[in-house]
Amino acid sequence: MTRCYHSRMECLSCVSELDHCHGTLVSHEDDFVECTDSGCRDLDLARHVFTATCADVDGGCHCTAVFVEEFAKAS
């Protein structure tokens, strides 16, 4: 739940001093994870409200193409 003061949104997790990140945690096919927030210091899933797979990222990801190619070879 967020509070709004003078059209400025406040993050309730910040106000509550909870350890969290405002970025999106992106997981790749090879289990590598990264965050869209360059200042993120902990890639734990519990710290991130927003998550995505690399396939969801605009333009895709090179590891998704490699995964599809390897799957096609295995079939």
C-alpha atoms as a PDB file:
ATOM      1  CA  MET A   1       0.000   0.000   0.000  1.00  0.00           C
ATOM      2  CA  THR A   2       1.424   3.377  -0.965  1.00  0.00           C
ATOM      3  CA  ARG A   3       0.726   6.765   0.510  1.00  0.00           C
ATOM      4  CA  CYS A   4       0.391   9.817  -1.705  1.00  0.00           C
ATOM      5  CA  TYR A   5       1.334  13.293  -0.531  1.00  0.00           C
ATOM      6  CA  HIS A   6       1.095  16.276  -2.891  1.00  0.00           C
ATOM      7  CA  SER A   7       1.101  13.991  -5.957  1.00  0.00           C
ATOM      8  CA  ARG A   8       4.320  12.329  -4.750  1.00  0.00           C
ATOM      9  CA  MET A   9       4.185   8.590  -4.131  1.00  0.00           C
ATOM     10  CA  GLU A  10       5.930   7.147  -1.099  1.00  0.00           C
ATOM     11  CA  CYS A  11       7.111   3.562  -1.011  1.00  0.00           C
ATOM     12  CA  LEU A  12       5.673   1.875   2.061  1.00  0.00           C
ATOM     13  CA  SER A  13       8.649  -0.493   2.215  1.00  0.00           C
ATOM     14  CA  CYS A  14      10.981   2.527   2.334  1.00  0.00           C
ATOM     15  CA  VAL A  15       8.874   4.207   5.007  1.00  0.00           C
ATOM     16  CA  SER A  16       8.854   0.945   7.000  1.00  0.00           C
ATOM     17  CA  GLU A  17      12.624   0.598   6.474  1.00  0.00           C
ATOM     18  CA  LEU A  18      12.222  -2.874   4.957  1.00  0.00           C
ATOM     19  CA  ASP A  19      15.081  -4.320   2.925  1.00  0.00           C
ATOM     20  CA  HIS A  20      13.821  -4.264  -0.667  1.00  0.00           C
ATOM     21  CA  CYS A  21      14.665  -3.244  -4.223  1.00  0.00           C
ATOM     22  CA  HIS A  22      12.726  -1.073  -6.671  1.00  0.00           C
ATOM     23  CA  GLY A  23      14.185  -2.846  -9.711  1.00  0.00           C
ATOM     24  CA  THR A  24      12.917  -5.876 -11.594  1.00  0.00           C
ATOM     25  CA  LEU A  25      14.684  -9.180 -11.046  1.00  0.00           C
ATOM     26  CA  VAL A  26      15.328 -10.824 -14.424  1.00  0.00           C
ATOM     27  CA  SER A  27      15.996 -14.569 -14.508  1.00  0.00           C
ATOM     28  CA  HIS A  28      17.736 -16.247 -17.429  1.00  0.00           C
ATOM     29  CA  GLU A  29      17.470 -19.795 -18.802  1.00  0.00           C
ATOM     30  CA  ASP A  30      20.886 -20.676 -17.324  1.00  0.00           C
ATOM     31  CA  ASP A  31      19.707 -19.641 -13.796  1.00  0.00           C
ATOM     32  CA  PHE A  32      21.694 -16.372 -13.958  1.00  0.00           C
ATOM     33  CA  VAL A  33      19.760 -13.477 -12.404  1.00  0.00           C
ATOM     34  CA  GLU A  34      20.216  -9.749 -12.692  1.00  0.00           C
ATOM     35  CA  CYS A  35      18.368  -6.646 -11.570  1.00  0.00           C
ATOM     36  CA  THR A  36      17.331  -3.613 -13.590  1.00  0.00           C
ATOM     37  CA  ASP A  37      18.360  -1.366 -10.676  1.00  0.00           C
ATOM     38  CA  SER A  38      22.086  -0.688 -11.049  1.00  0.00           C
ATOM     39  CA  GLY A  39      22.302  -0.032  -7.301  1.00  0.00           C
ATOM     40  CA  CYS A  40      20.842  -3.416  -6.321  1.00  0.00           C
ATOM     41  CA  ARG A  41      23.108  -5.108  -3.808  1.00  0.00           C
ATOM     42  CA  ASP A  42      21.236  -8.377  -3.236  1.00  0.00           C
ATOM     43  CA  LEU A  43      19.608 -10.492  -5.939  1.00  0.00           C
ATOM     44  CA  ASP A  44      17.378 -12.397  -3.531  1.00  0.00           C
ATOM     45  CA  LEU A  45      13.885 -12.999  -4.892  1.00  0.00           C
ATOM     46  CA  ALA A  46      12.337 -11.934  -1.563  1.00  0.00           C
ATOM     47  CA  ARG A  47      13.680  -8.374  -2.000  1.00  0.00           C
ATOM     48  CA  HIS A  48      12.030  -7.858  -5.402  1.00  0.00           C
ATOM     49  CA  VAL A  49       8.343  -7.184  -5.952  1.00  0.00           C
ATOM     50  CA  PHE A  50       8.756  -7.321  -9.723  1.00  0.00           C
ATOM     51  CA  THR A  51      10.221 -10.316 -11.542  1.00  0.00           C
ATOM     52  CA  ALA A  52      10.488 -11.333 -15.184  1.00  0.00           C
ATOM     53  CA  THR A  53      12.166 -13.924 -17.347  1.00  0.00           C
ATOM     54  CA  CYS A  54      14.663 -12.775 -19.936  1.00  0.00           C
ATOM     55  CA  ALA A  55      12.188 -13.826 -22.642  1.00  0.00           C
ATOM     56  CA  ASP A  56       9.840 -11.111 -21.302  1.00  0.00           C
ATOM     57  CA  VAL A  57      12.436  -8.384 -21.842  1.00  0.00           C
ATOM     58  CA  ASP A  58      11.850  -6.203 -24.906  1.00  0.00           C
ATOM     59  CA  GLY A  59      14.028  -7.566 -27.679  1.00  0.00           C
ATOM     60  CA  GLY A  60      14.484 -10.907 -25.958  1.00  0.00           C
ATOM     61  CA  CYS A  61      17.754 -12.273 -24.693  1.00  0.00           C
ATOM     62  CA  HIS A  62      20.603 -14.201 -26.268  1.00  0.00           C
ATOM     63  CA  CYS A  63      20.217 -17.074 -23.791  1.00  0.00           C
ATOM     64  CA  THR A  64      16.603 -17.637 -24.877  1.00  0.00           C
ATOM     65  CA  ALA A  65      17.746 -18.052 -28.490  1.00  0.00           C
ATOM     66  CA  VAL A  66      20.455 -20.500 -27.386  1.00  0.00           C
ATOM     67  CA  PHE A  67      17.907 -22.453 -25.308  1.00  0.00           C
ATOM     68  CA  VAL A  68      15.507 -22.715 -28.276  1.00  0.00           C
ATOM     69  CA  GLU A  69      18.345 -23.832 -30.560  1.00  0.00           C
ATOM     70  CA  GLU A  70      19.495 -26.501 -28.083  1.00  0.00           C
ATOM     71  CA  PHE A  71      15.898 -27.704 -27.612  1.00  0.00           C
ATOM     72  CA  ALA A  72      15.461 -28.012 -31.383  1.00  0.00           C
ATOM     73  CA  LYS A  73      18.638 -30.109 -31.635  1.00  0.00           C
ATOM     74  CA  ALA A  74      17.469 -32.400 -28.823  1.00  0.00           C
ATOM     75  CA  SER A  75      14.083 -33.007 -30.430  1.00  0.00           C
END
